[in-house]
């Protein structure tokens, strides 16, 4: 009887964990997009904005072409600069996807439709998509 109780408890715990993970993935799929899908969407829809939230030095060193820069630490103070994009999708990227995830939360709290580009510019480059370097025009 004791073994049956332990086995049943393990099954219940496993089911709860599976439900939690499934719920997390659903939330993430609503707020995140793989780099490959981001590139496809950018090619299909010219109204999508790609926003870089890395540091100015990172942006200067290497970036995706035609992406405005608002570093994450300045986003709340400069969010008004994005007001004209309120009705558009904003795909946010950083180096690996962590800072951009924070930026997406900030943007969504203020009514923007924002998506986190999973893996950031690292994943973009891993897919061998183009980047540029040097000063902005």
Protein backbone atom coordinates (compact mmCIF):
# COMPACT_ATOMS: atom_id res chain seq x y z
CA UNK A 1 0.00 0.00 0.00
CA UNK A 2 2.84 2.39 0.85
CA UNK A 3 4.44 1.88 -2.59
CA UNK A 4 1.11 2.65 -4.30
CA UNK A 5 0.78 5.94 -2.42
CA UNK A 6 4.34 6.96 -3.30
CA UNK A 7 3.79 5.98 -6.94
CA UNK A 8 0.52 7.93 -7.05
CA UNK A 9 2.18 10.98 -5.50
CA UNK A 10 4.95 10.87 -8.10
CA UNK A 11 2.37 10.73 -10.90
CA UNK A 12 0.45 13.69 -9.47
CA UNK A 13 3.62 15.75 -9.07
CA UNK A 14 4.74 14.89 -12.61
CA UNK A 15 1.32 15.92 -13.97
CA UNK A 16 1.46 19.26 -12.11
CA UNK A 17 4.96 19.94 -13.45
CA UNK A 18 3.85 19.07 -17.00
CA UNK A 19 0.87 21.42 -16.72
CA UNK A 20 3.10 24.22 -15.39
CA UNK A 21 5.64 23.76 -18.19
CA UNK A 22 2.87 23.70 -20.78
CA UNK A 23 1.39 26.90 -19.39
CA UNK A 24 4.80 28.59 -19.47
CA UNK A 25 5.33 27.57 -23.10
CA UNK A 26 1.93 28.97 -24.04
CA UNK A 27 2.76 32.31 -22.42
CA UNK A 28 6.17 32.37 -24.08
CA UNK A 29 4.73 31.59 -27.52
CA UNK A 30 2.52 34.66 -27.19
CA UNK A 31 5.44 36.92 -26.34
CA UNK A 32 8.40 35.35 -28.15
CA UNK A 33 9.42 34.53 -31.69
CA UNK A 34 12.36 32.51 -33.01
CA UNK A 35 14.90 34.48 -35.07
CA UNK A 36 14.04 32.49 -38.19
CA UNK A 37 10.34 33.32 -37.85
CA UNK A 38 11.18 36.96 -37.09
CA UNK A 39 13.07 37.20 -40.39
CA UNK A 40 10.15 35.66 -42.28
CA UNK A 41 7.67 38.06 -40.66
CA UNK A 42 9.92 41.06 -41.35
CA UNK A 43 10.09 40.08 -45.03
CA UNK A 44 6.29 39.72 -45.22
CA UNK A 45 5.22 42.77 -43.22
CA UNK A 46 7.02 46.10 -43.65
CA UNK A 47 5.14 47.59 -40.69
CA UNK A 48 6.95 45.39 -38.16
CA UNK A 49 9.57 47.28 -36.16
CA UNK A 50 12.77 45.58 -35.01
CA UNK A 51 14.11 47.24 -31.83
CA UNK A 52 17.61 46.79 -30.37
CA UNK A 53 17.78 47.14 -26.57
CA UNK A 54 21.52 46.49 -26.18
CA UNK A 55 24.12 49.10 -25.27
CA UNK A 56 25.25 51.73 -27.79
CA UNK A 57 28.64 50.02 -28.04
CA UNK A 58 27.05 46.65 -28.84
CA UNK A 59 24.81 48.32 -31.44
CA UNK A 60 27.79 50.03 -33.05
CA UNK A 61 29.85 46.84 -33.08
CA UNK A 62 27.22 44.71 -34.83
CA UNK A 63 23.49 45.03 -35.40
CA UNK A 64 20.63 44.09 -37.67
CA UNK A 65 20.23 46.77 -40.35
CA UNK A 66 17.70 49.58 -39.88
CA UNK A 67 17.04 48.87 -36.22
CA UNK A 68 16.52 51.73 -33.79
CA UNK A 69 18.39 51.53 -30.50
CA UNK A 70 16.88 52.17 -27.10
CA UNK A 71 19.03 50.48 -24.44
CA UNK A 72 16.98 48.54 -21.90
CA UNK A 73 18.16 50.75 -19.03
CA UNK A 74 16.73 53.80 -20.90
CA UNK A 75 13.53 52.21 -22.21
CA UNK A 76 11.12 53.46 -19.56
CA UNK A 77 12.37 57.05 -19.88
CA UNK A 78 12.38 56.93 -23.70
CA UNK A 79 9.28 54.81 -24.34
CA UNK A 80 7.49 57.86 -25.80
CA UNK A 81 9.85 57.55 -28.80
CA UNK A 82 7.92 54.42 -29.74
CA UNK A 83 4.44 55.97 -29.56
CA UNK A 84 4.12 56.05 -33.35
CA UNK A 85 4.54 52.24 -33.35
CA UNK A 86 1.74 51.61 -30.84
CA UNK A 87 -0.44 49.87 -33.45
CA UNK A 88 2.42 47.87 -34.96
CA UNK A 89 4.28 44.76 -33.89
CA UNK A 90 7.65 45.45 -32.31
CA UNK A 91 10.15 42.59 -32.30
CA UNK A 92 12.77 43.28 -29.64
CA UNK A 93 16.28 41.86 -29.65
CA UNK A 94 19.41 41.96 -27.53
CA UNK A 95 22.46 39.70 -27.44
CA UNK A 96 20.82 36.50 -26.24
CA UNK A 97 17.16 37.23 -25.48
CA UNK A 98 17.30 38.10 -21.77
CA UNK A 99 17.26 41.91 -21.89
CA UNK A 100 14.78 41.85 -24.74
CA UNK A 101 12.47 39.68 -22.61
CA UNK A 102 12.51 42.39 -19.94
CA UNK A 103 11.90 45.05 -22.59
CA UNK A 104 8.91 43.11 -23.94
CA UNK A 105 7.36 43.03 -20.46
CA UNK A 106 7.78 46.81 -20.15
CA UNK A 107 6.35 47.45 -23.60
CA UNK A 108 3.38 45.12 -23.13
CA UNK A 109 2.56 46.73 -19.77
CA UNK A 110 2.22 50.00 -21.69
CA UNK A 111 0.00 48.60 -24.41
CA UNK A 112 2.50 47.76 -27.14
CA UNK A 113 2.35 44.54 -29.15
CA UNK A 114 5.91 43.37 -28.53
CA UNK A 115 7.67 40.07 -29.13
CA UNK A 116 11.01 38.85 -27.81
CA UNK A 117 13.33 37.50 -30.50
CA UNK A 118 14.55 34.27 -28.92
CA UNK A 119 18.31 33.93 -28.81
CA UNK A 120 18.80 37.57 -29.78
CA UNK A 121 21.41 38.61 -32.31
CA UNK A 122 23.41 35.50 -31.39
CA UNK A 123 20.67 33.31 -32.84
CA UNK A 124 20.19 35.69 -35.80
CA UNK A 125 23.88 35.23 -36.65
CA UNK A 126 23.70 31.46 -36.04
CA UNK A 127 21.02 31.35 -38.74
CA UNK A 128 23.55 33.22 -40.94
CA UNK A 129 21.25 36.21 -41.39
CA UNK A 130 22.98 39.50 -42.28
CA UNK A 131 24.27 42.06 -39.80
CA UNK A 132 26.04 45.37 -40.23
CA UNK A 133 28.72 47.21 -38.27
CA UNK A 134 29.83 50.79 -37.79
CA UNK A 135 28.12 54.11 -37.20
CA UNK A 136 24.47 54.63 -38.07
CA UNK A 137 23.67 56.91 -40.96
